[in-house]
Amino acid sequence: MIAPGMAQLVAKQLHGMPGIHVTATGFDGRSDLVLIEVERGHRKALWSLRTIEDLFVEVGRTTRSGNDSPQGIAERIWRPKSVERALSVWSAECRPLIRAMTYRVIARVLQERTFMRTDLRRALTHAIAANRPKWRSADPAQVEVWVSEYQMDQIIGGLRLSGASMRQHDGRNVERSGALRPTVAAMMVSLAGEPGGTLLDPCCGSGTILREAAAAGWPRVQGGDIDPEAVDIARRNVSSAQVDQWDVRHLDLPDASVGAVVSNLPFGRQFEVEGSMSRWLADALAEMTRVTRPGGRLVLLAPNMPADALSACIHLLSRDTVRLLGTPTALWVFSRL
């Protein structure tokens, strides 16, 4: 399970990992899904990929037609032989199974013309109870069973292997409203290229990108923000980073002094900027370009990038649409010429 809009980016990462084969991608209305087959001995590598929000082991999958009942879908998803295989993986990755496990079901569907997602959740809960009479429905539970319609009429069920620490990366010391999802920050850092020199986030907020850069092995991470409260929080969250209070349009840094710039730019939704957004962005981008060495990258989150904000010193490598807090935005990757 992936942050919405990032399935193809994560699929590219997975394609480069030995023993892992991407078979499909999709979206269940809340999150992107990437379906994979993993060869024996290669599961461990998945846990190190910081762009994944949750890992599941498949129980079963099915298709539905217009007159399908939730009960029929649940029975095709929860088949005893497939369940036994999935539980063996769950037990190896999570904890030993006991006879009286607790469980809960989470269901997501793309449309509710013929039945509601709550109907599917109830039907799957009943199917599990019939197959595992010693198990007890509870919330929270030891076993989470997720069923998602990841493409229209394509439904898959799985046991959740991961906990909250996977998507939160063990959490920040100090939280701040509007903070970037750690998995998105990890993807942005990965798009900055191989670690070398300084990675700069000039609008660092609570320091999520700085944390991911340090985890990725950048020799030096540096950040700054115009908000003194953000500077204080980032320093507490990433004690190894240098964090300064500044205006991104006037960075106290030499020309071509950083290896990459990675930043989630404020775009007037939660944080206001002075003057027109177009003028602010042009000035900020010019300054970020100035401090980036030739060959380095600028990886930026922003809904729009007006043409007059771009200079001849940068080249657009890619643009991908993602959703943050339910709002569409774009992930831009530029190369400094």
C-alpha atoms as a PDB file:
ATOM      1  CA  MET A   1       0.000   0.000   0.000  1.00  0.00           C
ATOM      2  CA  ILE A   2       1.397   3.348  -1.156  1.00  0.00           C
ATOM      3  CA  ALA A   3       0.560   7.046  -0.750  1.00  0.00           C
ATOM      4  CA  PRO A   4      -1.921   8.012  -3.498  1.00  0.00           C
ATOM      5  CA  GLY A   5      -0.213   8.867  -6.763  1.00  0.00           C
ATOM      6  CA  MET A   6       3.058   7.097  -5.988  1.00  0.00           C
ATOM      7  CA  ALA A   7       2.329   3.576  -7.292  1.00  0.00           C
ATOM      8  CA  GLN A   8       4.323   3.917 -10.496  1.00  0.00           C
ATOM      9  CA  LEU A   9       7.267   5.529  -8.699  1.00  0.00           C
ATOM     10  CA  VAL A  10       7.390   2.738  -6.128  1.00  0.00           C
ATOM     11  CA  ALA A  11       6.930   0.133  -8.865  1.00  0.00           C
ATOM     12  CA  LYS A  12      10.115   1.468 -10.503  1.00  0.00           C
ATOM     13  CA  GLN A  13      11.965   1.022  -7.205  1.00  0.00           C
ATOM     14  CA  LEU A  14      10.653  -2.536  -6.860  1.00  0.00           C
ATOM     15  CA  HIS A  15      11.654  -3.410 -10.436  1.00  0.00           C
ATOM     16  CA  GLY A  16      15.245  -2.764  -9.423  1.00  0.00           C
ATOM     17  CA  MET A  17      15.154  -5.162  -6.459  1.00  0.00           C
ATOM     18  CA  PRO A  18      16.201  -8.800  -7.036  1.00  0.00           C
ATOM     19  CA  GLY A  19      13.576 -11.487  -6.496  1.00  0.00           C
ATOM     20  CA  ILE A  20      10.641  -9.042  -6.583  1.00  0.00           C
ATOM     21  CA  HIS A  21       8.251  -8.851  -9.541  1.00  0.00           C
ATOM     22  CA  VAL A  22       5.513  -6.231  -9.952  1.00  0.00           C
ATOM     23  CA  THR A  23       2.332  -7.763 -11.381  1.00  0.00           C
ATOM     24  CA  ALA A  24      -0.206  -4.905 -11.165  1.00  0.00           C
ATOM     25  CA  THR A  25      -0.949  -1.500  -9.694  1.00  0.00           C
ATOM     26  CA  GLY A  26      -4.192   0.119  -8.653  1.00  0.00           C
ATOM     27  CA  PHE A  27      -6.062   2.561  -6.417  1.00  0.00           C
ATOM     28  CA  ASP A  28      -8.740   1.638  -3.872  1.00  0.00           C
ATOM     29  CA  GLY A  29     -10.171   5.113  -3.307  1.00  0.00           C
ATOM     30  CA  ARG A  30      -7.801   5.936  -0.452  1.00  0.00           C
ATOM     31  CA  SER A  31      -4.382   4.507  -1.303  1.00  0.00           C
ATOM     32  CA  ASP A  32      -2.392   3.211  -4.241  1.00  0.00           C
ATOM     33  CA  LEU A  33      -1.704  -0.518  -4.325  1.00  0.00           C
ATOM     34  CA  VAL A  34       1.219  -2.360  -5.904  1.00  0.00           C
ATOM     35  CA  LEU A  35       0.802  -6.129  -6.329  1.00  0.00           C
ATOM     36  CA  ILE A  36       4.036  -8.111  -6.292  1.00  0.00           C
ATOM     37  CA  GLU A  37       5.336 -11.655  -6.360  1.00  0.00           C
ATOM     38  CA  VAL A  38       8.347 -12.255  -4.111  1.00  0.00           C
ATOM     39  CA  GLU A  39      10.769 -15.117  -4.547  1.00  0.00           C
ATOM     40  CA  ARG A  40      11.808 -17.145  -1.516  1.00  0.00           C
ATOM     41  CA  GLY A  41      14.463 -15.401   0.529  1.00  0.00           C
ATOM     42  CA  HIS A  42      13.726 -11.893  -0.753  1.00  0.00           C
ATOM     43  CA  ARG A  43      10.917 -10.725   1.555  1.00  0.00           C
ATOM     44  CA  LYS A  44      13.300  -9.063   3.995  1.00  0.00           C
ATOM     45  CA  ALA A  45      14.318  -6.442   1.430  1.00  0.00           C
ATOM     46  CA  LEU A  46      10.778  -5.053   1.315  1.00  0.00           C
ATOM     47  CA  TRP A  47      10.954  -3.923   4.930  1.00  0.00           C
ATOM     48  CA  SER A  48      13.823  -1.571   4.123  1.00  0.00           C
ATOM     49  CA  LEU A  49      11.916   0.324   1.409  1.00  0.00           C
ATOM     50  CA  ARG A  50      10.864   3.530   3.142  1.00  0.00           C
ATOM     51  CA  THR A  51       8.353   4.541   0.439  1.00  0.00           C
ATOM     52  CA  ILE A  52       5.939   1.696   1.336  1.00  0.00           C
ATOM     53  CA  GLU A  53       3.138   2.539   3.788  1.00  0.00           C
ATOM     54  CA  ASP A  54       1.905  -0.999   4.502  1.00  0.00           C
ATOM     55  CA  LEU A  55       2.809  -4.569   3.562  1.00  0.00           C
ATOM     56  CA  PHE A  56       0.291  -7.389   3.170  1.00  0.00           C
ATOM     57  CA  VAL A  57       0.385 -11.055   2.314  1.00  0.00           C
ATOM     58  CA  GLU A  58      -2.346 -12.014  -0.126  1.00  0.00           C
ATOM     59  CA  VAL A  59      -5.187 -14.243   1.034  1.00  0.00           C
ATOM     60  CA  GLY A  60      -7.113 -14.302  -2.233  1.00  0.00           C
ATOM     61  CA  ARG A  61      -8.483 -12.247  -5.088  1.00  0.00           C
ATOM     62  CA  THR A  62     -11.566 -12.295  -7.271  1.00  0.00           C
ATOM     63  CA  THR A  63     -13.594 -10.313  -9.780  1.00  0.00           C
ATOM     64  CA  ARG A  64     -17.161  -9.191  -9.319  1.00  0.00           C
ATOM     65  CA  SER A  65     -20.053  -8.791 -11.702  1.00  0.00           C
ATOM     66  CA  GLY A  66     -23.024  -6.474 -11.402  1.00  0.00           C
ATOM     67  CA  ASN A  67     -25.163  -8.938  -9.455  1.00  0.00           C
ATOM     68  CA  ASP A  68     -22.430 -10.339  -7.194  1.00  0.00           C
ATOM     69  CA  SER A  69     -23.285 -10.581  -3.511  1.00  0.00           C
ATOM     70  CA  PRO A  70     -20.879  -9.592  -0.727  1.00  0.00           C
ATOM     71  CA  GLN A  71     -21.179 -13.142   0.626  1.00  0.00           C
ATOM     72  CA  GLY A  72     -20.041 -14.657  -2.662  1.00  0.00           C
ATOM     73  CA  ILE A  73     -17.062 -12.317  -2.887  1.00  0.00           C
ATOM     74  CA  ALA A  74     -16.074 -13.022   0.732  1.00  0.00           C
ATOM     75  CA  GLU A  75     -16.190 -16.779   0.133  1.00  0.00           C
ATOM     76  CA  ARG A  76     -13.957 -16.472  -2.925  1.00  0.00           C
ATOM     77  CA  ILE A  77     -11.477 -14.260  -1.064  1.00  0.00           C
ATOM     78  CA  TRP A  78     -11.292 -16.321   2.151  1.00  0.00           C
ATOM     79  CA  ARG A  79     -10.441 -19.827   0.937  1.00  0.00           C
ATOM     80  CA  PRO A  80      -9.003 -22.164   3.613  1.00  0.00           C
ATOM     81  CA  LYS A  81      -5.925 -23.387   1.681  1.00  0.00           C
ATOM     82  CA  SER A  82      -4.900 -19.887   0.631  1.00  0.00           C
ATOM     83  CA  VAL A  83      -5.548 -18.653   4.161  1.00  0.00           C
ATOM     84  CA  GLU A  84      -3.213 -21.290   5.615  1.00  0.00           C
ATOM     85  CA  ARG A  85      -0.408 -20.222   3.289  1.00  0.00           C
ATOM     86  CA  ALA A  86      -0.953 -16.551   4.113  1.00  0.00           C
ATOM     87  CA  LEU A  87      -1.049 -17.244   7.839  1.00  0.00           C
ATOM     88  CA  SER A  88       2.281 -19.058   7.657  1.00  0.00           C
ATOM     89  CA  VAL A  89       3.842 -15.899   6.169  1.00  0.00           C
ATOM     90  CA  TRP A  90       2.045 -13.701   8.725  1.00  0.00           C
ATOM     91  CA  SER A  91       3.336 -15.856  11.568  1.00  0.00           C
ATOM     92  CA  ALA A  92       6.905 -15.747  10.245  1.00  0.00           C
ATOM     93  CA  GLU A  93       6.835 -11.951   9.837  1.00  0.00           C
ATOM     94  CA  CYS A  94       4.747 -10.917  12.835  1.00  0.00           C
ATOM     95  CA  ARG A  95       4.321 -13.289  15.784  1.00  0.00           C
ATOM     96  CA  PRO A  96       3.411 -16.927  16.496  1.00  0.00           C
ATOM     97  CA  LEU A  97      -0.203 -17.847  15.888  1.00  0.00           C
ATOM     98  CA  ILE A  98      -2.389 -18.921  18.781  1.00  0.00           C
ATOM     99  CA  ARG A  99      -5.765 -20.621  18.555  1.00  0.00           C
ATOM    100  CA  ALA A 100      -7.795 -17.719  19.962  1.00  0.00           C
ATOM    101  CA  MET A 101      -6.611 -14.808  17.825  1.00  0.00           C
ATOM    102  CA  THR A 102      -8.478 -11.487  17.587  1.00  0.00           C
ATOM    103  CA  TYR A 103      -9.162 -10.056  14.135  1.00  0.00           C
ATOM    104  CA  ARG A 104     -10.761  -7.107  12.387  1.00  0.00           C
ATOM    105  CA  VAL A 105     -11.751  -6.497   8.752  1.00  0.00           C
ATOM    106  CA  ILE A 106     -11.200  -3.300   6.743  1.00  0.00           C
ATOM    107  CA  ALA A 107     -12.969  -3.005   3.376  1.00  0.00           C
ATOM    108  CA  ARG A 108     -12.585  -0.497   0.548  1.00  0.00           C
ATOM    109  CA  VAL A 109     -14.543  -0.459  -2.713  1.00  0.00           C
ATOM    110  CA  LEU A 110     -14.505   1.899  -5.682  1.00  0.00           C
ATOM    111  CA  GLN A 111     -18.294   2.000  -6.115  1.00  0.00           C
ATOM    112  CA  GLU A 112     -21.302   1.070  -4.019  1.00  0.00           C
ATOM    113  CA  ARG A 113     -23.971   0.557  -6.667  1.00  0.00           C
ATOM    114  CA  THR A 114     -24.789  -3.049  -5.752  1.00  0.00           C
ATOM    115  CA  PHE A 115     -23.633  -3.164  -2.113  1.00  0.00           C
ATOM    116  CA  MET A 116     -21.918  -1.034   0.488  1.00  0.00           C
ATOM    117  CA  ARG A 117     -18.360  -1.556   1.678  1.00  0.00           C
ATOM    118  CA  THR A 118     -19.813  -2.213   5.142  1.00  0.00           C
ATOM    119  CA  ASP A 119     -21.759  -5.124   3.615  1.00  0.00           C
ATOM    120  CA  LEU A 120     -18.510  -6.590   2.267  1.00  0.00           C
ATOM    121  CA  ARG A 121     -16.789  -6.073   5.618  1.00  0.00           C
ATOM    122  CA  ARG A 122     -19.636  -7.861   7.412  1.00  0.00           C
ATOM    123  CA  ALA A 123     -19.650 -10.730   4.911  1.00  0.00           C
ATOM    124  CA  LEU A 124     -15.905 -11.274   5.215  1.00  0.00           C
ATOM    125  CA  THR A 125     -16.150 -11.108   9.015  1.00  0.00           C
ATOM    126  CA  HIS A 126     -18.752 -13.916   8.885  1.00  0.00           C
ATOM    127  CA  ALA A 127     -16.616 -15.982   6.473  1.00  0.00           C
ATOM    128  CA  ILE A 128     -13.637 -15.720   8.829  1.00  0.00           C
ATOM    129  CA  ALA A 129     -15.775 -16.649  11.840  1.00  0.00           C
ATOM    130  CA  ALA A 130     -17.031 -19.773  10.054  1.00  0.00           C
ATOM    131  CA  ASN A 131     -13.500 -20.838   9.104  1.00  0.00           C
ATOM    132  CA  ARG A 132     -11.806 -19.824  12.375  1.00  0.00           C
ATOM    133  CA  PRO A 133     -14.366 -20.405  15.152  1.00  0.00           C
ATOM    134  CA  LYS A 134     -11.774 -19.785  17.889  1.00  0.00           C
ATOM    135  CA  TRP A 135     -11.008 -16.314  16.568  1.00  0.00           C
ATOM    136  CA  ARG A 136     -12.806 -13.281  18.027  1.00  0.00           C
ATOM    137  CA  SER A 137     -13.668 -10.034  16.259  1.00  0.00           C
ATOM    138  CA  ALA A 138     -12.136  -7.042  18.058  1.00  0.00           C
ATOM    139  CA  ASP A 139     -10.734  -3.564  17.513  1.00  0.00           C
ATOM    140  CA  PRO A 140      -7.795  -3.246  17.845  1.00  0.00           C
ATOM    141  CA  ALA A 141      -6.922  -6.801  16.872  1.00  0.00           C
ATOM    142  CA  GLN A 142      -3.927  -9.073  16.448  1.00  0.00           C
ATOM    143  CA  VAL A 143      -4.768  -9.809  12.800  1.00  0.00           C
ATOM    144  CA  GLU A 144      -6.028  -7.203  10.346  1.00  0.00           C
ATOM    145  CA  VAL A 145      -7.695  -8.495   7.180  1.00  0.00           C
ATOM    146  CA  TRP A 146      -7.969  -5.898   4.409  1.00  0.00           C
ATOM    147  CA  VAL A 147     -10.082  -6.304   1.286  1.00  0.00           C
ATOM    148  CA  SER A 148      -9.731  -3.691  -1.470  1.00  0.00           C
ATOM    149  CA  GLU A 149     -11.191  -3.113  -4.905  1.00  0.00           C
ATOM    150  CA  TYR A 150      -7.906  -1.952  -6.444  1.00  0.00           C
ATOM    151  CA  GLN A 151      -9.242  -1.723 -10.007  1.00  0.00           C
ATOM    152  CA  MET A 152     -12.861  -1.612 -11.108  1.00  0.00           C
ATOM    153  CA  ASP A 153     -14.368  -5.050 -10.308  1.00  0.00           C
ATOM    154  CA  GLN A 154     -10.945  -6.413  -9.239  1.00  0.00           C
ATOM    155  CA  ILE A 155     -10.854  -7.270  -5.522  1.00  0.00           C
ATOM    156  CA  ILE A 156      -7.971  -8.540  -3.399  1.00  0.00           C
ATOM    157  CA  GLY A 157      -7.734  -9.542   0.254  1.00  0.00           C
ATOM    158  CA  GLY A 158      -4.670  -9.681   2.459  1.00  0.00           C
ATOM    159  CA  LEU A 159      -3.337  -9.944   5.996  1.00  0.00           C
ATOM    160  CA  ARG A 160      -1.552  -6.813   7.166  1.00  0.00           C
ATOM    161  CA  LEU A 161       2.068  -7.541   8.052  1.00  0.00           C
ATOM    162  CA  SER A 162       3.168  -4.016   8.935  1.00  0.00           C
ATOM    163  CA  GLY A 163       2.360  -1.742  11.840  1.00  0.00           C
ATOM    164  CA  ALA A 164       2.054   2.014  12.182  1.00  0.00           C
ATOM    165  CA  SER A 165       5.827   2.409  12.474  1.00  0.00           C
ATOM    166  CA  MET A 166       6.280   1.448   8.819  1.00  0.00           C
ATOM    167  CA  ARG A 167       4.336   4.404   7.434  1.00  0.00           C
ATOM    168  CA  GLN A 168       5.375   6.791  10.218  1.00  0.00           C
ATOM    169  CA  HIS A 169       9.051   5.713  10.281  1.00  0.00           C
ATOM    170  CA  ASP A 170       8.870   5.516  14.081  1.00  0.00           C
ATOM    171  CA  GLY A 171       7.332   8.999  14.314  1.00  0.00           C
ATOM    172  CA  ARG A 172       8.677  12.492  14.833  1.00  0.00           C
ATOM    173  CA  ASN A 173       9.696  13.761  18.259  1.00  0.00           C
ATOM    174  CA  VAL A 174       7.444  16.796  17.768  1.00  0.00           C
ATOM    175  CA  GLU A 175       4.439  16.771  15.448  1.00  0.00           C
ATOM    176  CA  ARG A 176       3.213  19.801  13.500  1.00  0.00           C
ATOM    177  CA  SER A 177      -0.002  20.366  11.584  1.00  0.00           C
ATOM    178  CA  GLY A 178       0.395  19.757   7.856  1.00  0.00           C
ATOM    179  CA  ALA A 179       3.650  17.810   8.218  1.00  0.00           C
ATOM    180  CA  LEU A 180       4.674  15.814   5.139  1.00  0.00           C
ATOM    181  CA  ARG A 181       4.078  12.061   5.118  1.00  0.00           C
ATOM    182  CA  PRO A 182       7.408  10.312   5.779  1.00  0.00           C
ATOM    183  CA  THR A 183       6.911   7.919   2.847  1.00  0.00           C
ATOM    184  CA  VAL A 184       6.462  10.841   0.436  1.00  0.00           C
ATOM    185  CA  ALA A 185       9.546  12.534   1.877  1.00  0.00           C
ATOM    186  CA  ALA A 186      11.486   9.281   1.399  1.00  0.00           C
ATOM    187  CA  MET A 187      10.429   9.132  -2.258  1.00  0.00           C
ATOM    188  CA  MET A 188      11.479  12.741  -2.797  1.00  0.00           C
ATOM    189  CA  VAL A 189      14.898  12.069  -1.277  1.00  0.00           C
ATOM    190  CA  SER A 190      15.335   8.974  -3.458  1.00  0.00           C
ATOM    191  CA  LEU A 191      14.627  11.085  -6.563  1.00  0.00           C
ATOM    192  CA  ALA A 192      17.455  13.430  -5.595  1.00  0.00           C
ATOM    193  CA  GLY A 193      19.993  10.830  -6.723  1.00  0.00           C
ATOM    194  CA  GLU A 194      22.936   9.214  -4.980  1.00  0.00           C
ATOM    195  CA  PRO A 195      23.923  10.890  -1.698  1.00  0.00           C
ATOM    196  CA  GLY A 196      26.822  13.285  -2.032  1.00  0.00           C
ATOM    197  CA  GLY A 197      27.584  16.582  -0.375  1.00  0.00           C
ATOM    198  CA  THR A 198      24.719  18.525   1.217  1.00  0.00           C
ATOM    199  CA  LEU A 199      20.999  17.940   0.787  1.00  0.00           C
ATOM    200  CA  LEU A 200      19.102  21.173   1.459  1.00  0.00           C
ATOM    201  CA  ASP A 201      15.444  21.684   2.369  1.00  0.00           C
ATOM    202  CA  PRO A 202      14.992  25.458   2.487  1.00  0.00           C
ATOM    203  CA  CYS A 203      11.307  25.214   3.582  1.00  0.00           C
ATOM    204  CA  CYS A 204      11.821  22.351   6.009  1.00  0.00           C
ATOM    205  CA  GLY A 205       8.764  22.660   8.275  1.00  0.00           C
ATOM    206  CA  SER A 206       9.024  19.946  10.932  1.00  0.00           C
ATOM    207  CA  GLY A 207      12.096  18.405   9.295  1.00  0.00           C
ATOM    208  CA  THR A 208      10.604  15.267   7.718  1.00  0.00           C
ATOM    209  CA  ILE A 209      12.682  15.536   4.534  1.00  0.00           C
ATOM    210  CA  LEU A 210      15.813  16.170   6.587  1.00  0.00           C
ATOM    211  CA  ARG A 211      15.184  12.986   8.579  1.00  0.00           C
ATOM    212  CA  GLU A 212      14.744  10.950   5.424  1.00  0.00           C
ATOM    213  CA  ALA A 213      17.897  12.433   3.886  1.00  0.00           C
ATOM    214  CA  ALA A 214      19.906  11.461   6.970  1.00  0.00           C
ATOM    215  CA  ALA A 215      18.419   7.950   6.843  1.00  0.00           C
ATOM    216  CA  ALA A 216      19.337   7.696   3.140  1.00  0.00           C
ATOM    217  CA  GLY A 217      22.988   8.409   3.896  1.00  0.00           C
ATOM    218  CA  TRP A 218      23.444  12.017   2.776  1.00  0.00           C
ATOM    219  CA  PRO A 219      26.730  13.189   4.337  1.00  0.00           C
ATOM    220  CA  ARG A 220      25.225  16.509   5.391  1.00  0.00           C
ATOM    221  CA  VAL A 221      21.634  17.664   5.700  1.00  0.00           C
ATOM    222  CA  GLN A 222      20.705  21.302   6.081  1.00  0.00           C
ATOM    223  CA  GLY A 223      17.379  23.038   6.358  1.00  0.00           C
ATOM    224  CA  GLY A 224      15.686  26.297   7.091  1.00  0.00           C
ATOM    225  CA  ASP A 225      12.294  27.933   7.393  1.00  0.00           C
ATOM    226  CA  ILE A 226      10.870  31.425   7.695  1.00  0.00           C
ATOM    227  CA  ASP A 227       8.751  30.324  10.694  1.00  0.00           C
ATOM    228  CA  PRO A 228      10.751  30.312  13.963  1.00  0.00           C
ATOM    229  CA  GLU A 229       8.435  27.680  15.457  1.00  0.00           C
ATOM    230  CA  ALA A 230       9.143  25.359  12.512  1.00  0.00           C
ATOM    231  CA  VAL A 231      12.885  25.931  12.938  1.00  0.00           C
ATOM    232  CA  ASP A 232      12.659  24.949  16.605  1.00  0.00           C
ATOM    233  CA  ILE A 233      10.613  21.813  15.836  1.00  0.00           C
ATOM    234  CA  ALA A 234      12.929  20.735  12.992  1.00  0.00           C
ATOM    235  CA  ARG A 235      15.971  21.101  15.240  1.00  0.00           C
ATOM    236  CA  ARG A 236      14.312  18.888  17.852  1.00  0.00           C
ATOM    237  CA  ASN A 237      13.243  16.305  15.260  1.00  0.00           C
ATOM    238  CA  VAL A 238      16.602  16.157  13.432  1.00  0.00           C
ATOM    239  CA  SER A 239      19.337  17.003  15.922  1.00  0.00           C
ATOM    240  CA  SER A 240      22.076  16.113  13.406  1.00  0.00           C
ATOM    241  CA  ALA A 241      20.942  18.713  10.860  1.00  0.00           C
ATOM    242  CA  GLN A 242      21.832  22.387  10.683  1.00  0.00           C
ATOM    243  CA  VAL A 243      18.557  24.335  10.625  1.00  0.00           C
ATOM    244  CA  ASP A 244      18.426  28.122  10.168  1.00  0.00           C
ATOM    245  CA  GLN A 245      15.690  30.724  10.104  1.00  0.00           C
ATOM    246  CA  TRP A 246      15.606  32.400   6.707  1.00  0.00           C
ATOM    247  CA  ASP A 247      13.547  33.415   3.720  1.00  0.00           C
ATOM    248  CA  VAL A 248      13.950  30.895   0.876  1.00  0.00           C
ATOM    249  CA  ARG A 249      14.224  33.820  -1.530  1.00  0.00           C
ATOM    250  CA  HIS A 250      17.412  34.986   0.201  1.00  0.00           C
ATOM    251  CA  LEU A 251      19.537  31.988   1.212  1.00  0.00           C
ATOM    252  CA  ASP A 252      22.758  32.692   3.069  1.00  0.00           C
ATOM    253  CA  LEU A 253      24.660  30.079   1.051  1.00  0.00           C
ATOM    254  CA  PRO A 254      27.353  30.258  -1.652  1.00  0.00           C
ATOM    255  CA  ASP A 255      26.610  29.522  -5.310  1.00  0.00           C
ATOM    256  CA  ALA A 256      26.636  25.822  -6.297  1.00  0.00           C
ATOM    257  CA  SER A 257      27.208  24.771  -2.674  1.00  0.00           C
ATOM    258  CA  VAL A 258      24.636  21.941  -2.230  1.00  0.00           C
ATOM    259  CA  GLY A 259      24.292  18.590  -3.952  1.00  0.00           C
ATOM    260  CA  ALA A 260      20.489  18.647  -4.103  1.00  0.00           C
ATOM    261  CA  VAL A 261      17.473  20.678  -3.005  1.00  0.00           C
ATOM    262  CA  VAL A 262      14.406  18.737  -1.834  1.00  0.00           C
ATOM    263  CA  SER A 263      11.414  20.648  -0.496  1.00  0.00           C
ATOM    264  CA  ASN A 264       7.651  20.705  -0.004  1.00  0.00           C
ATOM    265  CA  LEU A 265       6.893  24.280  -1.010  1.00  0.00           C
ATOM    266  CA  PRO A 266       4.220  26.320   0.805  1.00  0.00           C
ATOM    267  CA  PHE A 267       1.411  26.994  -1.638  1.00  0.00           C
ATOM    268  CA  GLY A 268      -1.017  29.195   0.249  1.00  0.00           C
ATOM    269  CA  ARG A 269      -3.272  26.444   1.556  1.00  0.00           C
ATOM    270  CA  GLN A 270      -1.881  26.070   5.077  1.00  0.00           C
ATOM    271  CA  PHE A 271       0.955  28.605   4.895  1.00  0.00           C
ATOM    272  CA  GLU A 272       0.696  32.023   3.297  1.00  0.00           C
ATOM    273  CA  VAL A 273       3.432  33.683   1.227  1.00  0.00           C
ATOM    274  CA  GLU A 274       4.132  37.362   0.636  1.00  0.00           C
ATOM    275  CA  GLY A 275       2.863  38.869  -2.623  1.00  0.00           C
ATOM    276  CA  SER A 276       1.668  36.856  -5.595  1.00  0.00           C
ATOM    277  CA  MET A 277       2.347  33.122  -5.563  1.00  0.00           C
ATOM    278  CA  SER A 278       3.810  33.229  -9.073  1.00  0.00           C
ATOM    279  CA  ARG A 279       6.337  35.936  -8.144  1.00  0.00           C
ATOM    280  CA  TRP A 280       7.222  34.218  -4.861  1.00  0.00           C
ATOM    281  CA  LEU A 281       7.775  30.896  -6.628  1.00  0.00           C
ATOM    282  CA  ALA A 282       9.951  32.444  -9.338  1.00  0.00           C
ATOM    283  CA  ASP A 283      12.155  34.120  -6.725  1.00  0.00           C
ATOM    284  CA  ALA A 284      12.358  30.992  -4.554  1.00  0.00           C
ATOM    285  CA  LEU A 285      13.163  28.725  -7.496  1.00  0.00           C
ATOM    286  CA  ALA A 286      15.852  31.093  -8.741  1.00  0.00           C
ATOM    287  CA  GLU A 287      17.536  31.055  -5.336  1.00  0.00           C
ATOM    288  CA  MET A 288      17.308  27.263  -4.984  1.00  0.00           C
ATOM    289  CA  THR A 289      18.787  26.912  -8.469  1.00  0.00           C
ATOM    290  CA  ARG A 290      21.634  29.276  -7.598  1.00  0.00           C
ATOM    291  CA  VAL A 291      22.814  27.229  -4.609  1.00  0.00           C
ATOM    292  CA  THR A 292      22.560  23.832  -6.385  1.00  0.00           C
ATOM    293  CA  ARG A 293      25.707  22.507  -8.046  1.00  0.00           C
ATOM    294  CA  PRO A 294      25.602  21.707 -11.799  1.00  0.00           C
ATOM    295  CA  GLY A 295      24.361  18.144 -12.232  1.00  0.00           C
ATOM    296  CA  GLY A 296      22.470  18.272  -8.939  1.00  0.00           C
ATOM    297  CA  ARG A 297      18.715  17.891  -8.673  1.00  0.00           C
ATOM    298  CA  LEU A 298      15.829  19.950  -7.365  1.00  0.00           C
ATOM    299  CA  VAL A 299      12.912  17.799  -6.154  1.00  0.00           C
ATOM    300  CA  LEU A 300       9.890  19.920  -5.298  1.00  0.00           C
ATOM    301  CA  LEU A 301       6.272  19.438  -4.272  1.00  0.00           C
ATOM    302  CA  ALA A 302       3.979  22.107  -5.704  1.00  0.00           C
ATOM    303  CA  PRO A 303       0.602  22.015  -7.499  1.00  0.00           C
ATOM    304  CA  ASN A 304       1.761  24.292 -10.322  1.00  0.00           C
ATOM    305  CA  MET A 305       5.050  25.481 -11.748  1.00  0.00           C
ATOM    306  CA  PRO A 306       4.351  28.574 -13.893  1.00  0.00           C
ATOM    307  CA  ALA A 307       6.484  28.761 -17.020  1.00  0.00           C
ATOM    308  CA  ASP A 308       7.808  32.182 -16.060  1.00  0.00           C
ATOM    309  CA  ALA A 309       9.188  30.694 -12.828  1.00  0.00           C
ATOM    310  CA  LEU A 310      11.500  28.332 -14.715  1.00  0.00           C
ATOM    311  CA  SER A 311      14.962  29.401 -15.769  1.00  0.00           C
ATOM    312  CA  ALA A 312      17.286  28.215 -18.520  1.00  0.00           C
ATOM    313  CA  CYS A 313      19.540  26.752 -15.817  1.00  0.00           C
ATOM    314  CA  ILE A 314      17.222  23.823 -15.001  1.00  0.00           C
ATOM    315  CA  HIS A 315      15.771  20.971 -17.038  1.00  0.00           C
ATOM    316  CA  LEU A 316      12.541  19.152 -16.135  1.00  0.00           C
ATOM    317  CA  LEU A 317      13.162  15.411 -15.748  1.00  0.00           C
ATOM    318  CA  SER A 318       9.736  14.292 -14.528  1.00  0.00           C
ATOM    319  CA  ARG A 319       6.391  15.363 -13.104  1.00  0.00           C
ATOM    320  CA  ASP A 320       4.060  13.046 -11.166  1.00  0.00           C
ATOM    321  CA  THR A 321       0.666  13.877  -9.651  1.00  0.00           C
ATOM    322  CA  VAL A 322       0.233  12.865  -5.995  1.00  0.00           C
ATOM    323  CA  ARG A 323      -2.376  13.590  -3.321  1.00  0.00           C
ATOM    324  CA  LEU A 324      -1.501  15.006   0.085  1.00  0.00           C
ATOM    325  CA  LEU A 325      -4.189  15.420   2.748  1.00  0.00           C
ATOM    326  CA  GLY A 326      -6.767  14.826   0.011  1.00  0.00           C
ATOM    327  CA  THR A 327      -5.383  17.662  -2.153  1.00  0.00           C
ATOM    328  CA  PRO A 328      -3.817  17.013  -5.573  1.00  0.00           C
ATOM    329  CA  THR A 329      -0.314  18.363  -6.053  1.00  0.00           C
ATOM    330  CA  ALA A 330       2.689  17.473  -8.193  1.00  0.00           C
ATOM    331  CA  LEU A 331       6.145  16.077  -7.615  1.00  0.00           C
ATOM    332  CA  TRP A 332       8.637  17.876  -9.866  1.00  0.00           C
ATOM    333  CA  VAL A 333      12.201  16.721 -10.537  1.00  0.00           C
ATOM    334  CA  PHE A 334      14.616  19.146 -12.194  1.00  0.00           C
ATOM    335  CA  SER A 335      18.282  18.786 -13.116  1.00  0.00           C
ATOM    336  CA  ARG A 336      20.588  21.749 -12.569  1.00  0.00           C
ATOM    337  CA  LEU A 337      22.433  22.453 -15.842  1.00  0.00           C
END
